[in-house]
Amino acid sequence: MNVAELLKLSGAFWTTGAIHVGVKLDLFSPPAHKPQTATELAQLLQADSRALAMLLNALCSLNLLEKKGEIFAANAFSAQYLTKDSPDYLGHIIMHHHYLVEGWSKLDQAVLTGKPVRTRSTMSDGKVRESFLMGMFNLAMQLAPRVAKAIDLNGRKRLLDLAGGPGTYAIHFCKENPELSAVIYDYPTTRPFAEQTVARFGLSERISFAAGDITVDAIGTGFDVVWVSHLLHSQGPESCREIVTKAASALEAGGILLIQDFLLDDNRAGPLFATLFSLNMLIGTSKGQSYSEGDISTMMQKAGLHNIHRLDITLPNGAGIMAGVK
């Protein structure tokens, strides 16, 4: 670390702000379809042309737009990932990040009090909730096909996607395993997003939705696979132990529990993303945090599972998948 690197880290929110506003105003879709001047785009968006030109130039410097003369156009990257009608659109997860900014600005309060500073009412807002759910879909779509190919579920018949959101992993596990059916379990408010997503993949006959709150409601039994992806970090240790025990109880003998999350090193001082994600949970939840491989292994042991191990799959941001057999 040197002074230049420190100051670059400290001012990184400038870049964040430009990208977030570019997505929020949907600045990438119009020039992807038709290159335009700042004045033309300003008329389209009902924006100030001088201010918009400043933002467009900044986005060019970030290699997210191209400029020839006074004409702005999307480049290949932004056309693929930042244009709303692209199947690879990542705008939802970027807007989810945008809605987290206010809470992160109050990190000092969270550290001093140990209490969340992001209110639950924020997540109940329709746009915020949609950005979260579809943002999770954005991320899972980058990983689920690779994960589904890497995990052998041959011969397995019923999968429970616990807190599965829009069901991205259930979808890809079923696509990879034609004999597999699945149940997505999540809050009732998630049902429309999940059913629409499942229908898009033509899997409505094999994937159903069950509504409930995993911390208090029954989740069913008779599964030979339970998939728990990025759920435990939202809960405290006691609640995590209860969830893992409940997930194990939903399995038939010989069934497999798979837990994916951002895993801390055993000394909890790395990797970087998992440590920062733990702070994100501090800001937004009363007891959530990142957990280590050892933490989750212990939870699985106490739930009566054996052959507990981390799968040899390389995933971004320190994510890992733990497996255990009933």
C-alpha atoms as a PDB file:
ATOM      1  CA  MET A   1       0.000   0.000   0.000  1.00  0.00           C
ATOM      2  CA  ASN A   2       1.218   3.539  -0.788  1.00  0.00           C
ATOM      3  CA  VAL A   3      -0.323   7.013  -0.536  1.00  0.00           C
ATOM      4  CA  ALA A   4      -1.544   7.017  -4.139  1.00  0.00           C
ATOM      5  CA  GLU A   5      -3.285   3.666  -3.676  1.00  0.00           C
ATOM      6  CA  LEU A   6      -4.817   4.812  -0.391  1.00  0.00           C
ATOM      7  CA  LEU A   7      -6.264   7.951  -1.955  1.00  0.00           C
ATOM      8  CA  LYS A   8      -7.538   5.983  -4.943  1.00  0.00           C
ATOM      9  CA  LEU A   9      -9.388   3.666  -2.571  1.00  0.00           C
ATOM     10  CA  SER A  10     -10.752   6.586  -0.579  1.00  0.00           C
ATOM     11  CA  GLY A  11     -12.132   8.323  -3.657  1.00  0.00           C
ATOM     12  CA  ALA A  12     -13.466   5.206  -5.364  1.00  0.00           C
ATOM     13  CA  PHE A  13     -17.039   6.327  -4.666  1.00  0.00           C
ATOM     14  CA  TRP A  14     -16.700   8.893  -7.468  1.00  0.00           C
ATOM     15  CA  THR A  15     -16.506   6.058  -9.975  1.00  0.00           C
ATOM     16  CA  THR A  16     -19.306   4.225  -8.177  1.00  0.00           C
ATOM     17  CA  GLY A  17     -21.551   7.286  -8.348  1.00  0.00           C
ATOM     18  CA  ALA A  18     -21.023   7.781 -12.079  1.00  0.00           C
ATOM     19  CA  ILE A  19     -21.789   4.139 -12.887  1.00  0.00           C
ATOM     20  CA  HIS A  20     -24.853   4.020 -10.641  1.00  0.00           C
ATOM     21  CA  VAL A  21     -26.364   7.164 -12.163  1.00  0.00           C
ATOM     22  CA  GLY A  22     -25.587   5.943 -15.657  1.00  0.00           C
ATOM     23  CA  VAL A  23     -27.635   2.815 -14.956  1.00  0.00           C
ATOM     24  CA  LYS A  24     -30.341   4.654 -12.984  1.00  0.00           C
ATOM     25  CA  LEU A  25     -30.937   7.045 -15.903  1.00  0.00           C
ATOM     26  CA  ASP A  26     -30.549   4.191 -18.424  1.00  0.00           C
ATOM     27  CA  LEU A  27     -27.872   6.099 -20.333  1.00  0.00           C
ATOM     28  CA  PHE A  28     -26.550   2.981 -22.044  1.00  0.00           C
ATOM     29  CA  SER A  29     -29.641   1.707 -23.867  1.00  0.00           C
ATOM     30  CA  PRO A  30     -30.328   4.663 -26.228  1.00  0.00           C
ATOM     31  CA  PRO A  31     -26.769   4.969 -27.605  1.00  0.00           C
ATOM     32  CA  ALA A  32     -26.613   1.180 -27.973  1.00  0.00           C
ATOM     33  CA  HIS A  33     -29.508   1.397 -30.420  1.00  0.00           C
ATOM     34  CA  LYS A  34     -28.548   4.710 -32.034  1.00  0.00           C
ATOM     35  CA  PRO A  35     -25.385   6.771 -31.390  1.00  0.00           C
ATOM     36  CA  GLN A  36     -26.369  10.299 -30.354  1.00  0.00           C
ATOM     37  CA  THR A  37     -25.014  13.633 -29.161  1.00  0.00           C
ATOM     38  CA  ALA A  38     -25.310  14.764 -25.564  1.00  0.00           C
ATOM     39  CA  THR A  39     -27.945  17.296 -26.650  1.00  0.00           C
ATOM     40  CA  GLU A  40     -30.047  14.589 -28.315  1.00  0.00           C
ATOM     41  CA  LEU A  41     -29.774  12.321 -25.295  1.00  0.00           C
ATOM     42  CA  ALA A  42     -30.612  15.225 -22.978  1.00  0.00           C
ATOM     43  CA  GLN A  43     -33.812  15.886 -24.935  1.00  0.00           C
ATOM     44  CA  LEU A  44     -34.708  12.214 -24.768  1.00  0.00           C
ATOM     45  CA  LEU A  45     -34.095  12.011 -21.005  1.00  0.00           C
ATOM     46  CA  GLN A  46     -35.320  15.532 -20.204  1.00  0.00           C
ATOM     47  CA  ALA A  47     -31.928  16.279 -18.659  1.00  0.00           C
ATOM     48  CA  ASP A  48     -29.614  19.296 -18.641  1.00  0.00           C
ATOM     49  CA  SER A  49     -27.376  18.898 -21.708  1.00  0.00           C
ATOM     50  CA  ARG A  50     -24.261  20.426 -20.103  1.00  0.00           C
ATOM     51  CA  ALA A  51     -24.504  18.223 -17.011  1.00  0.00           C
ATOM     52  CA  LEU A  52     -25.320  15.126 -19.044  1.00  0.00           C
ATOM     53  CA  ALA A  53     -22.307  15.715 -21.320  1.00  0.00           C
ATOM     54  CA  MET A  54     -20.061  15.728 -18.228  1.00  0.00           C
ATOM     55  CA  LEU A  55     -21.464  12.371 -17.111  1.00  0.00           C
ATOM     56  CA  LEU A  56     -21.244  10.862 -20.605  1.00  0.00           C
ATOM     57  CA  ASN A  57     -17.596  11.930 -20.877  1.00  0.00           C
ATOM     58  CA  ALA A  58     -16.840  10.362 -17.512  1.00  0.00           C
ATOM     59  CA  LEU A  59     -18.476   7.113 -18.633  1.00  0.00           C
ATOM     60  CA  CYS A  60     -16.304   7.211 -21.757  1.00  0.00           C
ATOM     61  CA  SER A  61     -13.212   7.541 -19.555  1.00  0.00           C
ATOM     62  CA  LEU A  62     -14.397   4.434 -17.685  1.00  0.00           C
ATOM     63  CA  ASN A  63     -14.559   2.561 -21.011  1.00  0.00           C
ATOM     64  CA  LEU A  64     -18.330   2.138 -20.763  1.00  0.00           C
ATOM     65  CA  LEU A  65     -19.149   4.407 -23.734  1.00  0.00           C
ATOM     66  CA  GLU A  66     -17.337   5.494 -26.891  1.00  0.00           C
ATOM     67  CA  LYS A  67     -17.128   9.025 -28.304  1.00  0.00           C
ATOM     68  CA  LYS A  68     -16.409  10.039 -31.874  1.00  0.00           C
ATOM     69  CA  GLY A  69     -16.534  13.770 -32.400  1.00  0.00           C
ATOM     70  CA  GLU A  70     -19.626  14.757 -30.403  1.00  0.00           C
ATOM     71  CA  ILE A  71     -21.395  11.421 -30.904  1.00  0.00           C
ATOM     72  CA  PHE A  72     -21.717   8.962 -28.018  1.00  0.00           C
ATOM     73  CA  ALA A  73     -22.215   5.251 -28.603  1.00  0.00           C
ATOM     74  CA  ALA A  74     -22.269   2.102 -26.493  1.00  0.00           C
ATOM     75  CA  ASN A  75     -19.255  -0.165 -26.804  1.00  0.00           C
ATOM     76  CA  ALA A  76     -19.479  -3.957 -27.003  1.00  0.00           C
ATOM     77  CA  PHE A  77     -19.238  -4.378 -23.231  1.00  0.00           C
ATOM     78  CA  SER A  78     -21.932  -1.866 -22.259  1.00  0.00           C
ATOM     79  CA  ALA A  79     -24.191  -3.054 -25.067  1.00  0.00           C
ATOM     80  CA  GLN A  80     -24.043  -6.568 -23.611  1.00  0.00           C
ATOM     81  CA  TYR A  81     -24.217  -5.849 -19.885  1.00  0.00           C
ATOM     82  CA  LEU A  82     -25.767  -2.398 -19.427  1.00  0.00           C
ATOM     83  CA  THR A  83     -28.457  -2.268 -22.112  1.00  0.00           C
ATOM     84  CA  LYS A  84     -31.869  -3.099 -20.697  1.00  0.00           C
ATOM     85  CA  ASP A  85     -33.038  -5.384 -23.494  1.00  0.00           C
ATOM     86  CA  SER A  86     -29.859  -7.490 -23.423  1.00  0.00           C
ATOM     87  CA  PRO A  87     -30.267 -10.994 -21.913  1.00  0.00           C
ATOM     88  CA  ASP A  88     -27.004 -10.376 -20.007  1.00  0.00           C
ATOM     89  CA  TYR A  89     -28.171  -7.083 -18.441  1.00  0.00           C
ATOM     90  CA  LEU A  90     -26.549  -6.425 -15.048  1.00  0.00           C
ATOM     91  CA  GLY A  91     -28.371  -3.210 -14.215  1.00  0.00           C
ATOM     92  CA  HIS A  92     -30.477  -4.803 -11.479  1.00  0.00           C
ATOM     93  CA  ILE A  93     -27.497  -5.760  -9.313  1.00  0.00           C
ATOM     94  CA  ILE A  94     -25.925  -2.352  -9.918  1.00  0.00           C
ATOM     95  CA  MET A  95     -29.130  -0.675  -8.716  1.00  0.00           C
ATOM     96  CA  HIS A  96     -29.121  -2.981  -5.692  1.00  0.00           C
ATOM     97  CA  HIS A  97     -25.620  -1.672  -4.944  1.00  0.00           C
ATOM     98  CA  HIS A  98     -26.963   1.868  -5.396  1.00  0.00           C
ATOM     99  CA  TYR A  99     -29.648   1.330  -2.766  1.00  0.00           C
ATOM    100  CA  LEU A 100     -26.969   0.135  -0.317  1.00  0.00           C
ATOM    101  CA  VAL A 101     -25.012   3.397  -0.462  1.00  0.00           C
ATOM    102  CA  GLU A 102     -27.130   5.255   2.091  1.00  0.00           C
ATOM    103  CA  GLY A 103     -26.591   2.545   4.685  1.00  0.00           C
ATOM    104  CA  TRP A 104     -22.838   2.420   4.072  1.00  0.00           C
ATOM    105  CA  SER A 105     -22.668   6.178   4.694  1.00  0.00           C
ATOM    106  CA  LYS A 106     -23.739   5.365   8.266  1.00  0.00           C
ATOM    107  CA  LEU A 107     -21.215   2.594   8.887  1.00  0.00           C
ATOM    108  CA  ASP A 108     -19.761   4.536  11.818  1.00  0.00           C
ATOM    109  CA  GLN A 109     -23.132   4.406  13.584  1.00  0.00           C
ATOM    110  CA  ALA A 110     -23.392   0.660  13.000  1.00  0.00           C
ATOM    111  CA  VAL A 111     -19.895   0.089  14.385  1.00  0.00           C
ATOM    112  CA  LEU A 112     -20.493   2.259  17.456  1.00  0.00           C
ATOM    113  CA  THR A 113     -23.896   0.759  18.294  1.00  0.00           C
ATOM    114  CA  GLY A 114     -23.649  -2.755  16.839  1.00  0.00           C
ATOM    115  CA  LYS A 115     -27.107  -2.219  15.357  1.00  0.00           C
ATOM    116  CA  PRO A 116     -28.290  -2.037  11.735  1.00  0.00           C
ATOM    117  CA  VAL A 117     -28.729   1.383  10.176  1.00  0.00           C
ATOM    118  CA  ARG A 118     -30.558   0.219   7.040  1.00  0.00           C
ATOM    119  CA  THR A 119     -34.283   0.044   7.787  1.00  0.00           C
ATOM    120  CA  ARG A 120     -36.494  -2.902   6.826  1.00  0.00           C
ATOM    121  CA  SER A 121     -38.925  -0.434   5.238  1.00  0.00           C
ATOM    122  CA  THR A 122     -36.277   0.260   2.598  1.00  0.00           C
ATOM    123  CA  MET A 123     -36.319  -3.366   1.466  1.00  0.00           C
ATOM    124  CA  SER A 124     -40.121  -3.367   1.384  1.00  0.00           C
ATOM    125  CA  ASP A 125     -40.054  -0.654  -1.295  1.00  0.00           C
ATOM    126  CA  GLY A 126     -41.098  -2.239  -4.590  1.00  0.00           C
ATOM    127  CA  LYS A 127     -38.195  -0.919  -6.686  1.00  0.00           C
ATOM    128  CA  VAL A 128     -35.627  -1.776  -4.026  1.00  0.00           C
ATOM    129  CA  ARG A 129     -37.037  -5.288  -3.608  1.00  0.00           C
ATOM    130  CA  GLU A 130     -37.119  -5.855  -7.372  1.00  0.00           C
ATOM    131  CA  SER A 131     -33.519  -4.654  -7.716  1.00  0.00           C
ATOM    132  CA  PHE A 132     -32.456  -7.052  -4.960  1.00  0.00           C
ATOM    133  CA  LEU A 133     -34.274 -10.091  -6.355  1.00  0.00           C
ATOM    134  CA  MET A 134     -33.362  -9.505  -9.973  1.00  0.00           C
ATOM    135  CA  GLY A 135     -29.864  -8.474  -8.926  1.00  0.00           C
ATOM    136  CA  MET A 136     -29.456 -11.865  -7.278  1.00  0.00           C
ATOM    137  CA  PHE A 137     -30.724 -13.338 -10.549  1.00  0.00           C
ATOM    138  CA  ASN A 138     -28.076 -11.323 -12.433  1.00  0.00           C
ATOM    139  CA  LEU A 139     -25.300 -12.709 -10.246  1.00  0.00           C
ATOM    140  CA  ALA A 140     -26.602 -16.257 -10.147  1.00  0.00           C
ATOM    141  CA  MET A 141     -26.923 -16.332 -13.935  1.00  0.00           C
ATOM    142  CA  GLN A 142     -23.163 -15.743 -14.106  1.00  0.00           C
ATOM    143  CA  LEU A 143     -22.445 -18.700 -11.821  1.00  0.00           C
ATOM    144  CA  ALA A 144     -25.356 -21.163 -11.767  1.00  0.00           C
ATOM    145  CA  PRO A 145     -24.626 -22.865 -15.122  1.00  0.00           C
ATOM    146  CA  ARG A 146     -21.021 -23.515 -14.060  1.00  0.00           C
ATOM    147  CA  VAL A 147     -22.012 -24.691 -10.566  1.00  0.00           C
ATOM    148  CA  ALA A 148     -24.748 -26.990 -11.904  1.00  0.00           C
ATOM    149  CA  LYS A 149     -22.293 -28.654 -14.291  1.00  0.00           C
ATOM    150  CA  ALA A 150     -19.668 -29.075 -11.564  1.00  0.00           C
ATOM    151  CA  ILE A 151     -21.905 -30.791  -8.971  1.00  0.00           C
ATOM    152  CA  ASP A 152     -22.908 -34.379  -9.673  1.00  0.00           C
ATOM    153  CA  LEU A 153     -26.626 -34.801  -8.904  1.00  0.00           C
ATOM    154  CA  ASN A 154     -27.067 -37.851 -11.102  1.00  0.00           C
ATOM    155  CA  GLY A 155     -29.843 -40.053  -9.691  1.00  0.00           C
ATOM    156  CA  ARG A 156     -31.215 -37.337  -7.419  1.00  0.00           C
ATOM    157  CA  LYS A 157     -34.956 -36.729  -7.790  1.00  0.00           C
ATOM    158  CA  ARG A 158     -36.101 -33.829  -5.564  1.00  0.00           C
ATOM    159  CA  LEU A 159     -34.241 -30.623  -4.786  1.00  0.00           C
ATOM    160  CA  LEU A 160     -35.202 -27.897  -2.308  1.00  0.00           C
ATOM    161  CA  ASP A 161     -33.824 -24.450  -3.209  1.00  0.00           C
ATOM    162  CA  LEU A 162     -34.017 -22.854   0.229  1.00  0.00           C
ATOM    163  CA  ALA A 163     -34.481 -19.066   0.179  1.00  0.00           C
ATOM    164  CA  GLY A 164     -34.064 -19.520  -3.557  1.00  0.00           C
ATOM    165  CA  GLY A 165     -35.288 -16.080  -4.686  1.00  0.00           C
ATOM    166  CA  PRO A 166     -36.120 -16.233  -8.391  1.00  0.00           C
ATOM    167  CA  GLY A 167     -34.925 -19.848  -8.504  1.00  0.00           C
ATOM    168  CA  THR A 168     -31.881 -19.458 -10.722  1.00  0.00           C
ATOM    169  CA  TYR A 169     -30.002 -22.372  -9.202  1.00  0.00           C
ATOM    170  CA  ALA A 170     -33.073 -24.637  -9.152  1.00  0.00           C
ATOM    171  CA  ILE A 171     -33.498 -23.857 -12.840  1.00  0.00           C
ATOM    172  CA  HIS A 172     -29.947 -24.730 -13.804  1.00  0.00           C
ATOM    173  CA  PHE A 173     -29.778 -27.828 -11.624  1.00  0.00           C
ATOM    174  CA  CYS A 174     -32.956 -29.042 -13.360  1.00  0.00           C
ATOM    175  CA  LYS A 175     -31.626 -28.140 -16.800  1.00  0.00           C
ATOM    176  CA  GLU A 176     -28.477 -30.135 -16.077  1.00  0.00           C
ATOM    177  CA  ASN A 177     -30.378 -33.085 -14.559  1.00  0.00           C
ATOM    178  CA  PRO A 178     -33.502 -34.031 -16.582  1.00  0.00           C
ATOM    179  CA  GLU A 179     -34.873 -36.389 -13.889  1.00  0.00           C
ATOM    180  CA  LEU A 180     -34.706 -33.727 -11.173  1.00  0.00           C
ATOM    181  CA  SER A 181     -37.666 -31.676  -9.922  1.00  0.00           C
ATOM    182  CA  ALA A 182     -37.362 -28.766  -7.507  1.00  0.00           C
ATOM    183  CA  VAL A 183     -39.177 -26.591  -4.990  1.00  0.00           C
ATOM    184  CA  ILE A 184     -38.191 -22.955  -4.503  1.00  0.00           C
ATOM    185  CA  TYR A 185     -38.842 -21.892  -0.900  1.00  0.00           C
ATOM    186  CA  ASP A 186     -38.930 -18.167  -0.117  1.00  0.00           C
ATOM    187  CA  TYR A 187     -41.101 -15.309   1.159  1.00  0.00           C
ATOM    188  CA  PRO A 188     -44.543 -14.930  -0.481  1.00  0.00           C
ATOM    189  CA  THR A 189     -43.447 -11.608  -2.030  1.00  0.00           C
ATOM    190  CA  THR A 190     -40.843 -13.525  -4.032  1.00  0.00           C
ATOM    191  CA  ARG A 191     -43.367 -15.793  -5.757  1.00  0.00           C
ATOM    192  CA  PRO A 192     -44.108 -13.542  -8.806  1.00  0.00           C
ATOM    193  CA  PHE A 193     -40.423 -13.117  -9.635  1.00  0.00           C
ATOM    194  CA  ALA A 194     -39.730 -16.845  -9.182  1.00  0.00           C
ATOM    195  CA  GLU A 195     -42.695 -18.058 -11.219  1.00  0.00           C
ATOM    196  CA  GLN A 196     -41.973 -15.624 -14.043  1.00  0.00           C
ATOM    197  CA  THR A 197     -38.333 -16.677 -14.150  1.00  0.00           C
ATOM    198  CA  VAL A 198     -39.135 -20.403 -14.084  1.00  0.00           C
ATOM    199  CA  ALA A 199     -41.690 -19.910 -16.859  1.00  0.00           C
ATOM    200  CA  ARG A 200     -39.095 -18.136 -19.011  1.00  0.00           C
ATOM    201  CA  PHE A 201     -37.030 -21.321 -18.937  1.00  0.00           C
ATOM    202  CA  GLY A 202     -40.015 -23.569 -19.659  1.00  0.00           C
ATOM    203  CA  LEU A 203     -39.705 -25.435 -16.354  1.00  0.00           C
ATOM    204  CA  SER A 204     -43.011 -24.648 -14.638  1.00  0.00           C
ATOM    205  CA  GLU A 205     -44.017 -28.333 -14.628  1.00  0.00           C
ATOM    206  CA  ARG A 206     -40.836 -29.387 -12.818  1.00  0.00           C
ATOM    207  CA  ILE A 207     -40.244 -26.444 -10.462  1.00  0.00           C
ATOM    208  CA  SER A 208     -42.849 -25.242  -7.956  1.00  0.00           C
ATOM    209  CA  PHE A 209     -42.859 -22.503  -5.333  1.00  0.00           C
ATOM    210  CA  ALA A 210     -43.527 -22.835  -1.600  1.00  0.00           C
ATOM    211  CA  ALA A 211     -44.039 -19.696   0.480  1.00  0.00           C
ATOM    212  CA  GLY A 212     -42.881 -19.240   4.035  1.00  0.00           C
ATOM    213  CA  ASP A 213     -40.340 -17.846   6.477  1.00  0.00           C
ATOM    214  CA  ILE A 214     -37.563 -20.371   6.984  1.00  0.00           C
ATOM    215  CA  THR A 215     -36.846 -19.124  10.488  1.00  0.00           C
ATOM    216  CA  VAL A 216     -40.334 -20.062  11.772  1.00  0.00           C
ATOM    217  CA  ASP A 217     -42.214 -22.163   9.188  1.00  0.00           C
ATOM    218  CA  ALA A 218     -41.944 -25.790   8.099  1.00  0.00           C
ATOM    219  CA  ILE A 219     -40.013 -26.338   4.864  1.00  0.00           C
ATOM    220  CA  GLY A 220     -41.139 -29.856   3.957  1.00  0.00           C
ATOM    221  CA  THR A 221     -39.386 -33.214   3.822  1.00  0.00           C
ATOM    222  CA  GLY A 222     -38.520 -35.958   1.359  1.00  0.00           C
ATOM    223  CA  PHE A 223     -35.743 -34.173  -0.542  1.00  0.00           C
ATOM    224  CA  ASP A 224     -32.504 -35.785  -1.594  1.00  0.00           C
ATOM    225  CA  VAL A 225     -30.797 -32.433  -2.219  1.00  0.00           C
ATOM    226  CA  VAL A 226     -31.138 -29.184  -0.284  1.00  0.00           C
ATOM    227  CA  TRP A 227     -29.384 -26.141  -1.781  1.00  0.00           C
ATOM    228  CA  VAL A 228     -28.786 -23.129   0.503  1.00  0.00           C
ATOM    229  CA  SER A 229     -27.182 -20.245  -1.365  1.00  0.00           C
ATOM    230  CA  HIS A 230     -26.143 -16.979   0.299  1.00  0.00           C
ATOM    231  CA  LEU A 231     -28.678 -17.269   3.115  1.00  0.00           C
ATOM    232  CA  LEU A 232     -26.633 -17.882   6.250  1.00  0.00           C
ATOM    233  CA  HIS A 233     -24.821 -14.538   6.113  1.00  0.00           C
ATOM    234  CA  SER A 234     -28.125 -12.753   6.768  1.00  0.00           C
ATOM    235  CA  GLN A 235     -28.575 -14.555  10.098  1.00  0.00           C
ATOM    236  CA  GLY A 236     -26.838 -14.767  13.461  1.00  0.00           C
ATOM    237  CA  PRO A 237     -24.998 -17.923  14.555  1.00  0.00           C
ATOM    238  CA  GLU A 238     -27.915 -19.399  16.521  1.00  0.00           C
ATOM    239  CA  SER A 239     -30.377 -18.889  13.677  1.00  0.00           C
ATOM    240  CA  CYS A 240     -27.852 -20.358  11.220  1.00  0.00           C
ATOM    241  CA  ARG A 241     -27.539 -23.496  13.324  1.00  0.00           C
ATOM    242  CA  GLU A 242     -31.332 -23.828  13.359  1.00  0.00           C
ATOM    243  CA  ILE A 243     -31.550 -23.345   9.578  1.00  0.00           C
ATOM    244  CA  VAL A 244     -28.839 -25.921   8.898  1.00  0.00           C
ATOM    245  CA  THR A 245     -30.555 -28.384  11.255  1.00  0.00           C
ATOM    246  CA  LYS A 246     -33.919 -27.773   9.573  1.00  0.00           C
ATOM    247  CA  ALA A 247     -32.353 -28.193   6.129  1.00  0.00           C
ATOM    248  CA  ALA A 248     -30.750 -31.479   7.199  1.00  0.00           C
ATOM    249  CA  SER A 249     -34.095 -32.667   8.583  1.00  0.00           C
ATOM    250  CA  ALA A 250     -35.695 -32.081   5.176  1.00  0.00           C
ATOM    251  CA  LEU A 251     -33.330 -34.633   3.619  1.00  0.00           C
ATOM    252  CA  GLU A 252     -33.916 -38.321   3.091  1.00  0.00           C
ATOM    253  CA  ALA A 253     -31.162 -40.673   4.275  1.00  0.00           C
ATOM    254  CA  GLY A 254     -28.271 -40.359   1.849  1.00  0.00           C
ATOM    255  CA  GLY A 255     -29.397 -36.883   0.836  1.00  0.00           C
ATOM    256  CA  ILE A 256     -26.883 -34.086   0.378  1.00  0.00           C
ATOM    257  CA  LEU A 257     -26.914 -30.576   1.847  1.00  0.00           C
ATOM    258  CA  LEU A 258     -25.068 -27.945  -0.207  1.00  0.00           C
ATOM    259  CA  ILE A 259     -24.331 -24.529   1.339  1.00  0.00           C
ATOM    260  CA  GLN A 260     -22.880 -21.709  -0.761  1.00  0.00           C
ATOM    261  CA  ASP A 261     -21.700 -18.487   0.846  1.00  0.00           C
ATOM    262  CA  PHE A 262     -18.848 -15.981   1.046  1.00  0.00           C
ATOM    263  CA  LEU A 263     -16.432 -17.860   3.302  1.00  0.00           C
ATOM    264  CA  LEU A 264     -13.987 -16.163   5.632  1.00  0.00           C
ATOM    265  CA  ASP A 265     -10.559 -17.573   6.348  1.00  0.00           C
ATOM    266  CA  ASP A 266     -10.430 -19.214   9.744  1.00  0.00           C
ATOM    267  CA  ASN A 267      -8.636 -16.154  11.209  1.00  0.00           C
ATOM    268  CA  ARG A 268     -11.493 -13.977   9.797  1.00  0.00           C
ATOM    269  CA  ALA A 269      -9.045 -11.404   8.343  1.00  0.00           C
ATOM    270  CA  GLY A 270      -9.690 -12.348   4.711  1.00  0.00           C
ATOM    271  CA  PRO A 271     -10.484 -12.690   1.913  1.00  0.00           C
ATOM    272  CA  LEU A 272     -11.258  -9.031   1.284  1.00  0.00           C
ATOM    273  CA  PHE A 273     -14.737  -9.369  -0.175  1.00  0.00           C
ATOM    274  CA  ALA A 274     -15.966 -11.630   2.620  1.00  0.00           C
ATOM    275  CA  THR A 275     -14.706  -9.206   5.285  1.00  0.00           C
ATOM    276  CA  LEU A 276     -16.408  -6.250   3.575  1.00  0.00           C
ATOM    277  CA  PHE A 277     -19.559  -8.286   3.043  1.00  0.00           C
ATOM    278  CA  SER A 278     -19.646  -8.934   6.778  1.00  0.00           C
ATOM    279  CA  LEU A 279     -19.784  -5.143   7.269  1.00  0.00           C
ATOM    280  CA  ASN A 280     -22.630  -4.979   4.754  1.00  0.00           C
ATOM    281  CA  MET A 281     -24.539  -7.418   6.951  1.00  0.00           C
ATOM    282  CA  LEU A 282     -23.728  -5.311  10.025  1.00  0.00           C
ATOM    283  CA  ILE A 283     -25.286  -2.302   8.314  1.00  0.00           C
ATOM    284  CA  GLY A 284     -28.432  -4.097   7.214  1.00  0.00           C
ATOM    285  CA  THR A 285     -29.163  -6.864   9.724  1.00  0.00           C
ATOM    286  CA  SER A 286     -29.257  -7.258  13.486  1.00  0.00           C
ATOM    287  CA  LYS A 287     -27.006 -10.329  13.649  1.00  0.00           C
ATOM    288  CA  GLY A 288     -25.883 -11.223  10.127  1.00  0.00           C
ATOM    289  CA  GLN A 289     -22.209 -11.720   9.253  1.00  0.00           C
ATOM    290  CA  SER A 290     -19.874 -13.721   7.058  1.00  0.00           C
ATOM    291  CA  TYR A 291     -18.872 -17.167   8.342  1.00  0.00           C
ATOM    292  CA  SER A 292     -15.761 -19.276   7.939  1.00  0.00           C
ATOM    293  CA  GLU A 293     -15.486 -22.737   6.432  1.00  0.00           C
ATOM    294  CA  GLY A 294     -14.915 -24.024   9.956  1.00  0.00           C
ATOM    295  CA  ASP A 295     -18.061 -22.315  11.257  1.00  0.00           C
ATOM    296  CA  ILE A 296     -20.289 -23.909   8.639  1.00  0.00           C
ATOM    297  CA  SER A 297     -18.582 -27.282   8.946  1.00  0.00           C
ATOM    298  CA  THR A 298     -19.346 -27.268  12.682  1.00  0.00           C
ATOM    299  CA  MET A 299     -22.999 -26.371  12.037  1.00  0.00           C
ATOM    300  CA  MET A 300     -23.296 -29.260   9.584  1.00  0.00           C
ATOM    301  CA  GLN A 301     -21.676 -31.700  12.015  1.00  0.00           C
ATOM    302  CA  LYS A 302     -24.082 -30.695  14.790  1.00  0.00           C
ATOM    303  CA  ALA A 303     -26.974 -31.236  12.338  1.00  0.00           C
ATOM    304  CA  GLY A 304     -25.900 -34.870  12.043  1.00  0.00           C
ATOM    305  CA  LEU A 305     -24.244 -34.737   8.629  1.00  0.00           C
ATOM    306  CA  HIS A 306     -21.053 -36.557   7.680  1.00  0.00           C
ATOM    307  CA  ASN A 307     -18.476 -36.483   4.863  1.00  0.00           C
ATOM    308  CA  ILE A 308     -18.442 -32.698   5.234  1.00  0.00           C
ATOM    309  CA  HIS A 309     -16.093 -30.951   2.823  1.00  0.00           C
ATOM    310  CA  ARG A 310     -15.634 -27.899   0.644  1.00  0.00           C
ATOM    311  CA  LEU A 311     -16.171 -28.577  -3.035  1.00  0.00           C
ATOM    312  CA  ASP A 312     -13.240 -27.972  -5.345  1.00  0.00           C
ATOM    313  CA  ILE A 313     -14.938 -25.233  -7.345  1.00  0.00           C
ATOM    314  CA  THR A 314     -13.312 -21.829  -7.820  1.00  0.00           C
ATOM    315  CA  LEU A 315     -15.872 -19.032  -7.448  1.00  0.00           C
ATOM    316  CA  PRO A 316     -15.474 -15.222  -7.376  1.00  0.00           C
ATOM    317  CA  ASN A 317     -15.364 -13.028  -4.261  1.00  0.00           C
ATOM    318  CA  GLY A 318     -14.302 -15.802  -1.921  1.00  0.00           C
ATOM    319  CA  ALA A 319     -17.521 -17.766  -2.338  1.00  0.00           C
ATOM    320  CA  GLY A 320     -17.347 -21.466  -1.581  1.00  0.00           C
ATOM    321  CA  ILE A 321     -19.686 -24.456  -1.432  1.00  0.00           C
ATOM    322  CA  MET A 322     -19.782 -26.802   1.551  1.00  0.00           C
ATOM    323  CA  ALA A 323     -21.301 -30.283   1.193  1.00  0.00           C
ATOM    324  CA  GLY A 324     -22.475 -32.823   3.758  1.00  0.00           C
ATOM    325  CA  VAL A 325     -24.382 -36.111   3.576  1.00  0.00           C
ATOM    326  CA  LYS A 326     -27.222 -37.309   5.821  1.00  0.00           C
END
